Amino acid sequence: MGWFILAHIFSTMLMFIHIGRLSEQEKDLEILLLRHQLSILERKCNKQVRPTRVEKLTLAVLANRLKQTTNRTARELRGIIRIFQPETVLRWHRELVRCKWTFAHKHKGGRPQLNKEIKRLIVRLARENPRWGYGKIEGELLKLGFQVSVTTIRNILERYNIVPAPVRGGSISWRHLMTHYKMQILACDFFTVETLWLQTLYVLFFIDLGTRRVYLAGVTANPHNNWVTQQARQIVWKLEESETTFRFLIHDRDKKFTNVFDAIFKSEGINIILIPYYAPNAYAERWVRTVRTECLDLVLILNAAHLRRVLQIYIDDYYNVARPHQGIRQQTPIPRKQAVNTGTVQRRKVLGGIISDYYRASGNTPVYLS
């Protein structure tokens, strides 16, 4: 790079010497010839020209010298500066001048700047607690050993475009409500499975949104009202045996969920939440995708009894007790005992080896908490 700069400066000096030896007529003819070549180049070249830093410096110095000598405006220089806009070349020169006069500013005293760690902590407290005002943040910082004024806190938050607490807090979001109440919410839905003989079977299931535990309600080819009502009664009896108390049941507006179906849950103190039209039952749909990908897409279902047995094994013997779930931090819906790191790793085949479950041989078989 250094040799390139020296070569460029040397070639520029040679051009100055050569131009100085030319007569006025020779200079005029050479200028006309160069302008004509530039016009042809502008017309033929579609790509943007990207000069190097040294070439920018040379063009900027020459253009500024010409402007000072002839007193021409930037508009008048457009006939001479053809590849770039005159304003661009003159801006390059102003940047060079600024670089020339830059120097380290001496500290003039005043209040010292706040530590970057404290600034990040102030921003973190404001974002994690939308209803905290400046005074509340000041008190929390004081409790942590940092003494920061309310004015400083306000200036820092304004610098990060964080609005004051009344505006920043807003209303409680659905995500916040779902996170707070998900341990009390149960969702249910249907999905269909086609058998080997092209018979359509309907599967009714329930899923606990807090633990992701799945309850298989039933499998049938004809989900009439009496059958759905009976499955509702049985699932209520099963839920009474668990320690979890549910307050809400979410389901879509499928006509198979009748008023009698809802009344059974309401009698147990469970409120019914209907999903809006055309909106998916997100947790239920995600589980349906999981059971299809890991199980049903790999098995040819013969009839309703076969489907019920396959789902029962998948849910009770694998999904609820052995499958790590990302939504609950890689835990299982039914908690297991603390894992040990001793003993050889063994494989347990689920559904004939379609699914593999691994455990330590020291425990013989996995042990789960009920």
Foldseek 3Di string as FASTA:
>chain_A
DVVVLVVVVVVVVVVVVVVVPDDPVVVVVVLVVVLVVVVVCVVPDPDQDDDDPSVLVVLLVVLVVVCVVVVDDQVVCCSVPPRDRSVVSPVSVVVVVVVVPDDDDDDPDDDDDDDPVVLVVLVVVCVVQLQDFLVNSQVVVVVVPDHDDSVVSVVSCVVVVQDGRVVSVPDDDPVNVCVVQLLQEKEKDWDWDAAPVRQIKIWIKMARRPLRAIGTQFIDSDLAQVSLLVSLVVVVVVVVVDPGHHAEYEYEPPPSCDPSSQVSVVVSNHYYDYDDPPDDPVSVVVVVVVCVVQPVVVDRHHDRVSVVVRVCQCRVVDQQFFAQDVVVPGAHSFGFPDADDDADKDWDAGPNNSDIGIHHCVVVDTGTDD
